[in-house]
Amino acid sequence: MGQMTGPVLISPAGDVDLLGIRFHPGGAYPFLRVPMNVITDQIIELSSLSNTFESQLLSACDNVTAPAERVAAITTSLVERLPSNGDTNLMALATSIVSSGGVVSVDRLANDAGISCRQLERRFLNGVGLGPKVLSRILRFQQVFRAVERHDNSWADVAVDCGYYDQAHLIRDFNQFAGQSPGVLFAEFSPLTESFTRKARTSHFSNTLA
């Protein structure tokens, strides 16, 4: 799954046994070596990008069934195969956006990197799959799912806490990234949705509609 700029509807037909690898923005590029914007908003077979990488991940899980052990085995496999020639400058820039929760000046990022905003955009599209401004918006939007717990669904307070100008600004991002208003989304929140939106994403669920 590439970087997503809109909602994805999933409706399992039976029990769900899901193990996901969620890369830091820019983290998948060193393994796949394809322009990441090619797979933005796409859900595709990993083998179509890299048969070798898929085989390595599957081999890591051979004869391992416990979820924690599978996670540990795949983590070890990824660390062992981490290329040494990654774009560390891009990763540092992406980390700055992540650590700020998406509240960062793109102009300042470009200035700190010693490149133009246009060059910064190109590097992010290639290595992350999104431009820095869109990535910042998505990261800021993701903060909402944790801020709601702190503010008991007071959307005005949530908006301020997550760096939005106002509640209307927050609702616009909800409509774009979630495809519905925050009130509707949280009223229909499910364990499957939660597994993709919470910071701690290890979960166990079955027969769940989302």
N, C-alpha and C. Protein backbone atom coordinates (compact mmCIF):
# COMPACT_ATOMS: atom_id res chain seq x y z
N MET A 1 0.85 -1.19 0.00
CA MET A 1 0.00 0.00 0.00
C MET A 1 0.89 1.24 0.00
N GLY A 2 0.66 2.10 -0.96
CA GLY A 2 1.42 3.34 -0.99
C GLY A 2 0.85 4.35 0.00
N GLN A 3 1.42 5.54 0.03
CA GLN A 3 0.86 6.61 0.85
C GLN A 3 -0.56 6.91 0.37
N MET A 4 -1.49 7.04 1.29
CA MET A 4 -2.89 7.22 0.93
C MET A 4 -3.33 8.65 1.25
N THR A 5 -4.03 9.27 0.30
CA THR A 5 -4.54 10.62 0.51
C THR A 5 -6.07 10.64 0.63
N GLY A 6 -6.65 9.47 0.77
CA GLY A 6 -8.09 9.37 0.93
C GLY A 6 -8.44 8.11 1.67
N PRO A 7 -9.73 7.91 1.96
CA PRO A 7 -10.14 6.75 2.75
C PRO A 7 -10.07 5.45 1.94
N VAL A 8 -9.88 4.35 2.65
CA VAL A 8 -9.94 3.00 2.07
C VAL A 8 -11.00 2.22 2.82
N LEU A 9 -11.97 1.67 2.12
CA LEU A 9 -13.04 0.90 2.74
C LEU A 9 -12.70 -0.57 2.70
N ILE A 10 -12.68 -1.21 3.86
CA ILE A 10 -12.35 -2.62 3.98
C ILE A 10 -13.50 -3.33 4.67
N SER A 11 -13.96 -4.42 4.09
CA SER A 11 -15.06 -5.18 4.68
C SER A 11 -14.70 -6.65 4.64
N PRO A 12 -14.01 -7.17 5.67
CA PRO A 12 -13.61 -8.58 5.67
C PRO A 12 -14.82 -9.50 5.62
N ALA A 13 -14.67 -10.62 4.91
CA ALA A 13 -15.76 -11.58 4.80
C ALA A 13 -15.67 -12.68 5.85
N GLY A 14 -14.58 -12.71 6.61
CA GLY A 14 -14.40 -13.74 7.63
C GLY A 14 -13.37 -13.31 8.65
N ASP A 15 -12.76 -14.29 9.32
CA ASP A 15 -11.74 -13.98 10.32
C ASP A 15 -10.58 -13.23 9.67
N VAL A 16 -10.00 -12.31 10.43
CA VAL A 16 -8.90 -11.49 9.93
C VAL A 16 -7.62 -11.84 10.67
N ASP A 17 -6.60 -12.18 9.92
CA ASP A 17 -5.27 -12.42 10.48
C ASP A 17 -4.32 -11.49 9.73
N LEU A 18 -4.04 -10.36 10.32
CA LEU A 18 -3.33 -9.29 9.62
C LEU A 18 -2.02 -8.96 10.31
N LEU A 19 -0.96 -8.95 9.54
CA LEU A 19 0.34 -8.49 10.02
C LEU A 19 0.81 -7.39 9.08
N GLY A 20 0.94 -6.19 9.59
CA GLY A 20 1.33 -5.06 8.75
C GLY A 20 2.69 -4.52 9.12
N ILE A 21 3.39 -4.02 8.12
CA ILE A 21 4.66 -3.33 8.32
C ILE A 21 4.43 -1.88 7.92
N ARG A 22 4.51 -1.00 8.87
CA ARG A 22 4.25 0.41 8.60
C ARG A 22 5.58 1.17 8.64
N PHE A 23 6.03 1.58 7.46
CA PHE A 23 7.33 2.25 7.36
C PHE A 23 7.21 3.73 7.73
N HIS A 24 8.27 4.24 8.32
CA HIS A 24 8.43 5.68 8.49
C HIS A 24 8.37 6.32 7.10
N PRO A 25 7.82 7.54 6.97
CA PRO A 25 7.83 8.19 5.65
C PRO A 25 9.24 8.20 5.05
N GLY A 26 9.37 7.61 3.89
CA GLY A 26 10.67 7.48 3.24
C GLY A 26 11.37 6.17 3.55
N GLY A 27 10.83 5.40 4.50
CA GLY A 27 11.52 4.18 4.93
C GLY A 27 11.40 3.01 3.98
N ALA A 28 10.36 2.98 3.15
CA ALA A 28 10.18 1.86 2.22
C ALA A 28 11.05 1.99 0.98
N TYR A 29 11.39 3.21 0.62
CA TYR A 29 12.12 3.44 -0.63
C TYR A 29 13.45 2.68 -0.71
N PRO A 30 14.28 2.64 0.34
CA PRO A 30 15.55 1.92 0.23
C PRO A 30 15.38 0.43 -0.07
N PHE A 31 14.25 -0.16 0.33
CA PHE A 31 14.01 -1.58 0.07
C PHE A 31 13.43 -1.81 -1.32
N LEU A 32 12.57 -0.91 -1.78
CA LEU A 32 11.86 -1.13 -3.04
C LEU A 32 12.56 -0.50 -4.24
N ARG A 33 13.18 0.63 -4.03
CA ARG A 33 13.91 1.33 -5.09
C ARG A 33 13.04 1.64 -6.30
N VAL A 34 11.82 2.05 -6.05
CA VAL A 34 10.95 2.56 -7.11
C VAL A 34 10.47 3.93 -6.66
N PRO A 35 10.20 4.85 -7.59
CA PRO A 35 9.65 6.15 -7.19
C PRO A 35 8.36 5.94 -6.39
N MET A 36 8.32 6.41 -5.17
CA MET A 36 7.21 6.09 -4.28
C MET A 36 5.90 6.76 -4.70
N ASN A 37 5.99 7.85 -5.47
CA ASN A 37 4.74 8.48 -5.93
C ASN A 37 4.02 7.63 -6.97
N VAL A 38 4.71 6.63 -7.54
CA VAL A 38 4.07 5.72 -8.49
C VAL A 38 3.01 4.87 -7.80
N ILE A 39 3.20 4.57 -6.51
CA ILE A 39 2.25 3.72 -5.80
C ILE A 39 1.40 4.51 -4.80
N THR A 40 1.45 5.83 -4.83
CA THR A 40 0.60 6.64 -3.98
C THR A 40 -0.87 6.36 -4.31
N ASP A 41 -1.67 6.16 -3.27
CA ASP A 41 -3.10 5.84 -3.41
C ASP A 41 -3.33 4.51 -4.14
N GLN A 42 -2.34 3.62 -4.08
CA GLN A 42 -2.46 2.31 -4.72
C GLN A 42 -2.31 1.19 -3.69
N ILE A 43 -3.08 0.13 -3.88
CA ILE A 43 -2.90 -1.10 -3.11
C ILE A 43 -2.53 -2.18 -4.12
N ILE A 44 -1.32 -2.68 -4.04
CA ILE A 44 -0.80 -3.58 -5.07
C ILE A 44 -0.08 -4.76 -4.42
N GLU A 45 0.12 -5.81 -5.20
CA GLU A 45 0.88 -6.97 -4.75
C GLU A 45 2.35 -6.57 -4.61
N LEU A 46 2.96 -6.92 -3.47
CA LEU A 46 4.36 -6.58 -3.25
C LEU A 46 5.25 -7.22 -4.31
N SER A 47 4.86 -8.42 -4.78
CA SER A 47 5.68 -9.12 -5.76
C SER A 47 5.80 -8.34 -7.07
N SER A 48 4.83 -7.47 -7.36
CA SER A 48 4.92 -6.68 -8.60
C SER A 48 5.98 -5.59 -8.50
N LEU A 49 6.40 -5.29 -7.28
CA LEU A 49 7.47 -4.31 -7.08
C LEU A 49 8.81 -4.99 -6.85
N SER A 50 8.77 -6.08 -6.05
CA SER A 50 10.03 -6.77 -5.73
C SER A 50 9.74 -8.19 -5.26
N ASN A 51 10.00 -9.17 -6.14
CA ASN A 51 9.85 -10.56 -5.76
C ASN A 51 10.81 -10.94 -4.64
N THR A 52 12.02 -10.39 -4.70
CA THR A 52 13.04 -10.71 -3.71
C THR A 52 12.62 -10.23 -2.32
N PHE A 53 12.14 -9.01 -2.24
CA PHE A 53 11.74 -8.45 -0.95
C PHE A 53 10.58 -9.26 -0.37
N GLU A 54 9.60 -9.62 -1.20
CA GLU A 54 8.48 -10.40 -0.72
C GLU A 54 8.96 -11.75 -0.19
N SER A 55 9.85 -12.41 -0.91
CA SER A 55 10.36 -13.71 -0.49
C SER A 55 11.09 -13.61 0.84
N GLN A 56 11.85 -12.54 1.02
CA GLN A 56 12.58 -12.34 2.28
C GLN A 56 11.62 -12.21 3.46
N LEU A 57 10.54 -11.46 3.27
CA LEU A 57 9.58 -11.27 4.35
C LEU A 57 8.84 -12.56 4.67
N LEU A 58 8.47 -13.31 3.63
CA LEU A 58 7.77 -14.57 3.85
C LEU A 58 8.68 -15.59 4.52
N SER A 59 9.95 -15.62 4.13
CA SER A 59 10.90 -16.55 4.73
C SER A 59 11.10 -16.25 6.21
N ALA A 60 11.06 -14.97 6.56
CA ALA A 60 11.25 -14.59 7.96
C ALA A 60 10.16 -15.15 8.86
N CYS A 61 8.97 -15.38 8.28
CA CYS A 61 7.84 -15.86 9.06
C CYS A 61 7.67 -17.37 9.03
N ASP A 62 8.56 -18.07 8.33
CA ASP A 62 8.46 -19.52 8.25
C ASP A 62 8.52 -20.13 9.65
N ASN A 63 7.57 -21.00 9.94
CA ASN A 63 7.53 -21.75 11.21
C ASN A 63 7.38 -20.85 12.43
N VAL A 64 6.89 -19.63 12.23
CA VAL A 64 6.63 -18.71 13.35
C VAL A 64 5.15 -18.35 13.32
N THR A 65 4.45 -18.61 14.41
CA THR A 65 3.01 -18.39 14.43
C THR A 65 2.56 -17.34 15.43
N ALA A 66 3.25 -17.22 16.57
CA ALA A 66 2.85 -16.25 17.59
C ALA A 66 3.04 -14.83 17.04
N PRO A 67 2.04 -13.94 17.20
CA PRO A 67 2.15 -12.58 16.63
C PRO A 67 3.42 -11.85 17.04
N ALA A 68 3.77 -11.87 18.32
CA ALA A 68 4.95 -11.14 18.78
C ALA A 68 6.22 -11.70 18.15
N GLU A 69 6.27 -13.03 17.99
CA GLU A 69 7.45 -13.65 17.38
C GLU A 69 7.54 -13.33 15.90
N ARG A 70 6.40 -13.25 15.23
CA ARG A 70 6.39 -12.89 13.81
C ARG A 70 6.88 -11.46 13.62
N VAL A 71 6.41 -10.56 14.48
CA VAL A 71 6.86 -9.16 14.42
C VAL A 71 8.37 -9.08 14.63
N ALA A 72 8.87 -9.81 15.63
CA ALA A 72 10.31 -9.78 15.92
C ALA A 72 11.12 -10.35 14.77
N ALA A 73 10.62 -11.42 14.15
CA ALA A 73 11.35 -12.05 13.05
C ALA A 73 11.43 -11.13 11.84
N ILE A 74 10.31 -10.48 11.51
CA ILE A 74 10.31 -9.58 10.37
C ILE A 74 11.16 -8.35 10.65
N THR A 75 11.09 -7.84 11.86
CA THR A 75 11.92 -6.68 12.23
C THR A 75 13.39 -7.01 12.06
N THR A 76 13.80 -8.18 12.53
CA THR A 76 15.20 -8.60 12.39
C THR A 76 15.59 -8.72 10.93
N SER A 77 14.69 -9.29 10.13
CA SER A 77 14.97 -9.44 8.70
C SER A 77 15.14 -8.09 8.01
N LEU A 78 14.28 -7.13 8.37
CA LEU A 78 14.37 -5.81 7.76
C LEU A 78 15.67 -5.11 8.16
N VAL A 79 16.03 -5.21 9.43
CA VAL A 79 17.25 -4.54 9.90
C VAL A 79 18.47 -5.15 9.21
N GLU A 80 18.49 -6.47 9.05
CA GLU A 80 19.63 -7.13 8.42
C GLU A 80 19.79 -6.73 6.96
N ARG A 81 18.66 -6.42 6.31
CA ARG A 81 18.69 -6.11 4.88
C ARG A 81 18.60 -4.62 4.59
N LEU A 82 18.69 -3.81 5.62
CA LEU A 82 18.59 -2.37 5.41
C LEU A 82 19.76 -1.87 4.58
N PRO A 83 19.50 -1.28 3.42
CA PRO A 83 20.60 -0.78 2.58
C PRO A 83 21.36 0.33 3.29
N SER A 84 22.65 0.39 3.00
CA SER A 84 23.50 1.40 3.65
C SER A 84 23.56 2.69 2.86
N ASN A 85 22.93 2.73 1.69
CA ASN A 85 23.03 3.91 0.82
C ASN A 85 21.72 4.67 0.73
N GLY A 86 20.95 4.68 1.82
CA GLY A 86 19.68 5.39 1.82
C GLY A 86 19.89 6.91 1.86
N ASP A 87 18.83 7.63 1.56
CA ASP A 87 18.88 9.10 1.56
C ASP A 87 18.67 9.58 2.99
N THR A 88 19.77 9.67 3.74
CA THR A 88 19.67 10.05 5.16
C THR A 88 19.16 11.48 5.32
N ASN A 89 19.48 12.35 4.37
CA ASN A 89 18.99 13.73 4.46
C ASN A 89 17.48 13.79 4.32
N LEU A 90 16.93 13.01 3.40
CA LEU A 90 15.48 12.96 3.23
C LEU A 90 14.82 12.40 4.48
N MET A 91 15.41 11.35 5.04
CA MET A 91 14.85 10.76 6.25
C MET A 91 14.86 11.75 7.41
N ALA A 92 15.91 12.55 7.49
CA ALA A 92 15.98 13.56 8.55
C ALA A 92 14.91 14.62 8.37
N LEU A 93 14.67 15.02 7.13
CA LEU A 93 13.63 16.01 6.85
C LEU A 93 12.24 15.44 7.17
N ALA A 94 12.01 14.19 6.77
CA ALA A 94 10.72 13.55 7.06
C ALA A 94 10.53 13.39 8.57
N THR A 95 11.62 13.09 9.28
CA THR A 95 11.55 12.96 10.73
C THR A 95 11.17 14.29 11.38
N SER A 96 11.66 15.37 10.83
CA SER A 96 11.30 16.70 11.36
C SER A 96 9.80 16.94 11.25
N ILE A 97 9.20 16.52 10.14
CA ILE A 97 7.77 16.68 9.95
C ILE A 97 7.01 15.78 10.91
N VAL A 98 7.47 14.53 11.04
CA VAL A 98 6.79 13.57 11.92
C VAL A 98 6.84 14.04 13.37
N SER A 99 8.02 14.45 13.82
CA SER A 99 8.19 14.84 15.22
C SER A 99 7.39 16.08 15.57
N SER A 100 7.08 16.91 14.57
CA SER A 100 6.29 18.12 14.82
C SER A 100 4.79 17.85 14.72
N GLY A 101 4.43 16.63 14.36
CA GLY A 101 3.02 16.32 14.16
C GLY A 101 2.45 17.02 12.94
N GLY A 102 3.30 17.34 11.99
CA GLY A 102 2.86 18.00 10.77
C GLY A 102 2.78 19.50 10.85
N VAL A 103 3.15 20.05 12.00
CA VAL A 103 3.11 21.51 12.17
C VAL A 103 4.54 22.04 12.00
N VAL A 104 4.91 22.25 10.75
CA VAL A 104 6.27 22.67 10.45
C VAL A 104 6.24 23.51 9.18
N SER A 105 7.19 24.41 9.05
CA SER A 105 7.28 25.26 7.87
C SER A 105 8.07 24.54 6.78
N VAL A 106 7.43 24.32 5.64
CA VAL A 106 8.11 23.67 4.52
C VAL A 106 9.21 24.58 3.98
N ASP A 107 8.98 25.88 3.99
CA ASP A 107 10.02 26.82 3.55
C ASP A 107 11.27 26.68 4.42
N ARG A 108 11.06 26.52 5.73
CA ARG A 108 12.21 26.38 6.64
C ARG A 108 12.93 25.06 6.39
N LEU A 109 12.17 23.99 6.11
CA LEU A 109 12.78 22.70 5.81
C LEU A 109 13.68 22.80 4.58
N ALA A 110 13.16 23.45 3.53
CA ALA A 110 13.94 23.60 2.31
C ALA A 110 15.19 24.44 2.57
N ASN A 111 15.02 25.50 3.34
CA ASN A 111 16.16 26.37 3.66
C ASN A 111 17.22 25.62 4.45
N ASP A 112 16.77 24.82 5.44
CA ASP A 112 17.72 24.04 6.25
C ASP A 112 18.45 23.01 5.40
N ALA A 113 17.77 22.48 4.37
CA ALA A 113 18.38 21.48 3.51
C ALA A 113 19.25 22.11 2.42
N GLY A 114 19.17 23.43 2.27
CA GLY A 114 19.95 24.12 1.27
C GLY A 114 19.47 23.90 -0.15
N ILE A 115 18.15 23.66 -0.30
CA ILE A 115 17.57 23.42 -1.62
C ILE A 115 16.31 24.26 -1.76
N SER A 116 15.80 24.34 -2.97
CA SER A 116 14.57 25.10 -3.21
C SER A 116 13.36 24.27 -2.78
N CYS A 117 12.23 24.93 -2.62
CA CYS A 117 11.00 24.23 -2.28
C CYS A 117 10.61 23.25 -3.39
N ARG A 118 10.88 23.61 -4.64
CA ARG A 118 10.57 22.72 -5.77
C ARG A 118 11.43 21.45 -5.70
N GLN A 119 12.72 21.62 -5.38
CA GLN A 119 13.59 20.46 -5.25
C GLN A 119 13.16 19.58 -4.07
N LEU A 120 12.76 20.21 -2.99
CA LEU A 120 12.28 19.47 -1.82
C LEU A 120 11.05 18.65 -2.17
N GLU A 121 10.15 19.25 -2.94
CA GLU A 121 8.93 18.57 -3.37
C GLU A 121 9.29 17.33 -4.19
N ARG A 122 10.22 17.47 -5.12
CA ARG A 122 10.60 16.35 -5.99
C ARG A 122 11.22 15.22 -5.18
N ARG A 123 12.07 15.56 -4.22
CA ARG A 123 12.71 14.53 -3.41
C ARG A 123 11.69 13.79 -2.56
N PHE A 124 10.73 14.50 -2.03
CA PHE A 124 9.70 13.86 -1.22
C PHE A 124 8.79 12.98 -2.08
N LEU A 125 8.42 13.45 -3.25
CA LEU A 125 7.57 12.64 -4.12
C LEU A 125 8.27 11.33 -4.50
N ASN A 126 9.56 11.40 -4.76
CA ASN A 126 10.31 10.21 -5.15
C ASN A 126 10.54 9.25 -3.98
N GLY A 127 10.93 9.79 -2.83
CA GLY A 127 11.32 8.94 -1.71
C GLY A 127 10.22 8.64 -0.71
N VAL A 128 9.21 9.50 -0.64
CA VAL A 128 8.12 9.33 0.33
C VAL A 128 6.81 8.97 -0.37
N GLY A 129 6.58 9.59 -1.51
CA GLY A 129 5.33 9.37 -2.23
C GLY A 129 4.39 10.54 -2.15
N LEU A 130 4.67 11.48 -1.27
CA LEU A 130 3.87 12.69 -1.08
C LEU A 130 4.79 13.89 -0.99
N GLY A 131 4.28 15.06 -1.37
CA GLY A 131 5.02 16.28 -1.13
C GLY A 131 5.03 16.59 0.36
N PRO A 132 5.95 17.41 0.82
CA PRO A 132 6.05 17.71 2.26
C PRO A 132 4.81 18.37 2.83
N LYS A 133 4.11 19.20 2.04
CA LYS A 133 2.91 19.87 2.55
C LYS A 133 1.77 18.88 2.76
N VAL A 134 1.58 17.98 1.81
CA VAL A 134 0.52 16.97 1.96
C VAL A 134 0.85 16.02 3.10
N LEU A 135 2.11 15.61 3.20
CA LEU A 135 2.53 14.75 4.31
C LEU A 135 2.25 15.44 5.65
N SER A 136 2.55 16.72 5.73
CA SER A 136 2.31 17.47 6.97
C SER A 136 0.82 17.49 7.32
N ARG A 137 -0.03 17.68 6.31
CA ARG A 137 -1.48 17.69 6.56
C ARG A 137 -1.96 16.34 7.08
N ILE A 138 -1.46 15.26 6.49
CA ILE A 138 -1.90 13.93 6.91
C ILE A 138 -1.42 13.63 8.33
N LEU A 139 -0.19 13.98 8.64
CA LEU A 139 0.32 13.74 10.00
C LEU A 139 -0.44 14.56 11.03
N ARG A 140 -0.78 15.78 10.68
CA ARG A 140 -1.57 16.61 11.59
C ARG A 140 -2.95 16.00 11.79
N PHE A 141 -3.53 15.49 10.69
CA PHE A 141 -4.83 14.84 10.76
C PHE A 141 -4.78 13.61 11.66
N GLN A 142 -3.69 12.84 11.59
CA GLN A 142 -3.58 11.64 12.40
C GLN A 142 -3.52 11.95 13.89
N GLN A 143 -3.04 13.15 14.24
CA GLN A 143 -2.98 13.53 15.65
C GLN A 143 -4.38 13.59 16.27
N VAL A 144 -5.37 13.82 15.44
CA VAL A 144 -6.74 13.99 15.93
C VAL A 144 -7.21 12.76 16.70
N PHE A 145 -6.82 11.58 16.24
CA PHE A 145 -7.31 10.34 16.84
C PHE A 145 -6.79 10.15 18.27
N ARG A 146 -5.68 10.78 18.59
CA ARG A 146 -5.20 10.74 19.96
C ARG A 146 -5.70 11.94 20.76
N ALA A 147 -5.87 13.08 20.09
CA ALA A 147 -6.33 14.28 20.78
C ALA A 147 -7.77 14.15 21.25
N VAL A 148 -8.58 13.39 20.51
CA VAL A 148 -9.99 13.21 20.90
C VAL A 148 -10.09 12.64 22.30
N GLU A 149 -9.21 11.73 22.66
CA GLU A 149 -9.26 11.12 23.98
C GLU A 149 -8.93 12.15 25.07
N ARG A 150 -8.11 13.12 24.73
CA ARG A 150 -7.73 14.13 25.73
C ARG A 150 -8.83 15.18 25.92
N HIS A 151 -9.63 15.40 24.88
CA HIS A 151 -10.60 16.51 24.92
C HIS A 151 -12.05 16.05 24.88
N ASP A 152 -12.29 14.75 25.01
CA ASP A 152 -13.65 14.23 25.11
C ASP A 152 -14.54 14.74 23.99
N ASN A 153 -14.03 14.64 22.75
CA ASN A 153 -14.81 14.98 21.54
C ASN A 153 -15.21 16.46 21.45
N SER A 154 -14.47 17.35 22.14
CA SER A 154 -14.67 18.78 21.95
C SER A 154 -13.87 19.19 20.72
N TRP A 155 -14.55 19.31 19.57
CA TRP A 155 -13.83 19.46 18.32
C TRP A 155 -13.08 20.78 18.22
N ALA A 156 -13.57 21.82 18.84
CA ALA A 156 -12.85 23.10 18.82
C ALA A 156 -11.51 22.96 19.54
N ASP A 157 -11.52 22.28 20.69
CA ASP A 157 -10.28 22.06 21.45
C ASP A 157 -9.33 21.12 20.70
N VAL A 158 -9.90 20.10 20.09
CA VAL A 158 -9.08 19.16 19.30
C VAL A 158 -8.39 19.89 18.16
N ALA A 159 -9.13 20.78 17.47
CA ALA A 159 -8.57 21.53 16.34
C ALA A 159 -7.37 22.36 16.78
N VAL A 160 -7.50 23.06 17.89
CA VAL A 160 -6.41 23.90 18.39
C VAL A 160 -5.22 23.04 18.80
N ASP A 161 -5.51 21.92 19.48
CA ASP A 161 -4.45 21.04 19.97
C ASP A 161 -3.63 20.47 18.82
N CYS A 162 -4.25 20.23 17.68
CA CYS A 162 -3.57 19.60 16.55
C CYS A 162 -3.03 20.60 15.53
N GLY A 163 -3.09 21.89 15.85
CA GLY A 163 -2.48 22.90 14.98
C GLY A 163 -3.35 23.41 13.87
N TYR A 164 -4.67 23.17 13.94
CA TYR A 164 -5.58 23.70 12.93
C TYR A 164 -5.95 25.15 13.27
N TYR A 165 -6.25 25.91 12.22
CA TYR A 165 -6.64 27.30 12.44
C TYR A 165 -7.98 27.37 13.17
N ASP A 166 -8.90 26.49 12.79
CA ASP A 166 -10.22 26.49 13.42
C ASP A 166 -10.88 25.14 13.19
N GLN A 167 -12.07 24.98 13.73
CA GLN A 167 -12.79 23.71 13.60
C GLN A 167 -13.15 23.41 12.15
N ALA A 168 -13.50 24.44 11.39
CA ALA A 168 -13.87 24.24 9.99
C ALA A 168 -12.71 23.67 9.19
N HIS A 169 -11.49 24.13 9.50
CA HIS A 169 -10.29 23.63 8.84
C HIS A 169 -10.12 22.14 9.12
N LEU A 170 -10.36 21.75 10.36
CA LEU A 170 -10.28 20.34 10.75
C LEU A 170 -11.30 19.51 9.99
N ILE A 171 -12.51 20.00 9.88
CA ILE A 171 -13.57 19.26 9.20
C ILE A 171 -13.26 19.08 7.72
N ARG A 172 -12.66 20.09 7.10
CA ARG A 172 -12.28 19.96 5.69
C ARG A 172 -11.28 18.83 5.48
N ASP A 173 -10.30 18.72 6.39
CA ASP A 173 -9.34 17.63 6.26
C ASP A 173 -10.01 16.28 6.51
N PHE A 174 -10.96 16.22 7.44
CA PHE A 174 -11.69 14.98 7.67
C PHE A 174 -12.43 14.56 6.41
N ASN A 175 -13.08 15.49 5.77
CA ASN A 175 -13.84 15.16 4.55
C ASN A 175 -12.92 14.64 3.45
N GLN A 176 -11.70 15.20 3.36
CA GLN A 176 -10.79 14.75 2.32
C GLN A 176 -10.14 13.41 2.66
N PHE A 177 -9.58 13.30 3.88
CA PHE A 177 -8.79 12.12 4.21
C PHE A 177 -9.62 10.95 4.72
N ALA A 178 -10.75 11.23 5.37
CA ALA A 178 -11.59 10.15 5.90
C ALA A 178 -12.87 9.96 5.09
N GLY A 179 -13.22 10.94 4.26
CA GLY A 179 -14.40 10.82 3.45
C GLY A 179 -15.69 11.07 4.19
N GLN A 180 -15.63 11.58 5.41
CA GLN A 180 -16.82 11.89 6.19
C GLN A 180 -16.45 12.83 7.33
N SER A 181 -17.46 13.34 8.00
CA SER A 181 -17.22 14.29 9.08
C SER A 181 -16.69 13.54 10.31
N PRO A 182 -16.01 14.24 11.23
CA PRO A 182 -15.49 13.56 12.43
C PRO A 182 -16.59 12.93 13.27
N GLY A 183 -17.75 13.59 13.36
CA GLY A 183 -18.84 13.04 14.16
C GLY A 183 -19.31 11.70 13.63
N VAL A 184 -19.43 11.60 12.31
CA VAL A 184 -19.89 10.35 11.69
C VAL A 184 -18.82 9.26 11.84
N LEU A 185 -17.56 9.62 11.61
CA LEU A 185 -16.49 8.63 11.68
C LEU A 185 -16.39 8.02 13.07
N PHE A 186 -16.39 8.87 14.10
CA PHE A 186 -16.21 8.35 15.45
C PHE A 186 -17.46 7.64 15.96
N ALA A 187 -18.60 7.98 15.41
CA ALA A 187 -19.82 7.27 15.79
C ALA A 187 -19.79 5.83 15.26
N GLU A 188 -19.06 5.61 14.16
CA GLU A 188 -19.00 4.28 13.53
C GLU A 188 -17.63 3.65 13.69
N PHE A 189 -16.83 4.14 14.63
CA PHE A 189 -15.47 3.66 14.82
C PHE A 189 -15.47 2.17 15.17
N SER A 190 -14.59 1.40 14.54
CA SER A 190 -14.53 -0.04 14.76
C SER A 190 -13.12 -0.45 15.15
N PRO A 191 -12.95 -1.66 15.70
CA PRO A 191 -11.60 -2.13 16.03
C PRO A 191 -10.68 -2.17 14.81
N LEU A 192 -11.22 -2.50 13.62
CA LEU A 192 -10.39 -2.54 12.43
C LEU A 192 -9.91 -1.14 12.06
N THR A 193 -10.81 -0.16 12.11
CA THR A 193 -10.40 1.23 11.86
C THR A 193 -9.34 1.66 12.87
N GLU A 194 -9.55 1.28 14.12
CA GLU A 194 -8.63 1.67 15.19
C GLU A 194 -7.24 1.12 14.97
N SER A 195 -7.14 -0.07 14.40
CA SER A 195 -5.83 -0.68 14.19
C SER A 195 -4.97 0.11 13.21
N PHE A 196 -5.62 0.92 12.35
CA PHE A 196 -4.88 1.73 11.38
C PHE A 196 -4.69 3.18 11.82
N THR A 197 -5.37 3.60 12.89
CA THR A 197 -5.32 5.00 13.27
C THR A 197 -4.64 5.24 14.61
N ARG A 198 -4.57 4.25 15.47
CA ARG A 198 -3.93 4.43 16.77
C ARG A 198 -2.42 4.33 16.64
N LYS A 199 -1.72 4.98 17.56
CA LYS A 199 -0.27 4.93 17.54
C LYS A 199 0.22 3.52 17.83
N ALA A 200 -0.41 2.86 18.82
CA ALA A 200 -0.10 1.47 19.12
C ALA A 200 -1.04 0.61 18.29
N ARG A 201 -0.52 0.00 17.24
CA ARG A 201 -1.40 -0.63 16.26
C ARG A 201 -1.45 -2.15 16.35
N THR A 202 -0.89 -2.74 17.41
CA THR A 202 -1.02 -4.18 17.57
C THR A 202 -2.40 -4.48 18.11
N SER A 203 -3.16 -5.28 17.40
CA SER A 203 -4.53 -5.55 17.84
C SER A 203 -4.94 -6.95 17.39
N HIS A 204 -6.03 -7.43 18.00
CA HIS A 204 -6.58 -8.72 17.63
C HIS A 204 -8.06 -8.54 17.39
N PHE A 205 -8.54 -8.92 16.22
CA PHE A 205 -9.94 -8.72 15.91
C PHE A 205 -10.37 -9.75 14.88
N SER A 206 -11.66 -9.99 14.78
CA SER A 206 -12.18 -10.91 13.77
C SER A 206 -13.61 -10.53 13.42
N ASN A 207 -14.02 -10.90 12.21
CA ASN A 207 -15.38 -10.63 11.76
C ASN A 207 -15.78 -9.17 11.98
N THR A 208 -14.90 -8.26 11.62
CA THR A 208 -15.14 -6.85 11.87
C THR A 208 -15.41 -6.12 10.56
N LEU A 209 -16.44 -5.31 10.53
CA LEU A 209 -16.73 -4.51 9.35
C LEU A 209 -16.19 -3.11 9.55
N ALA A 210 -15.56 -2.54 8.52
CA ALA A 210 -15.08 -1.15 8.59
C ALA A 210 -15.09 -0.57 7.20
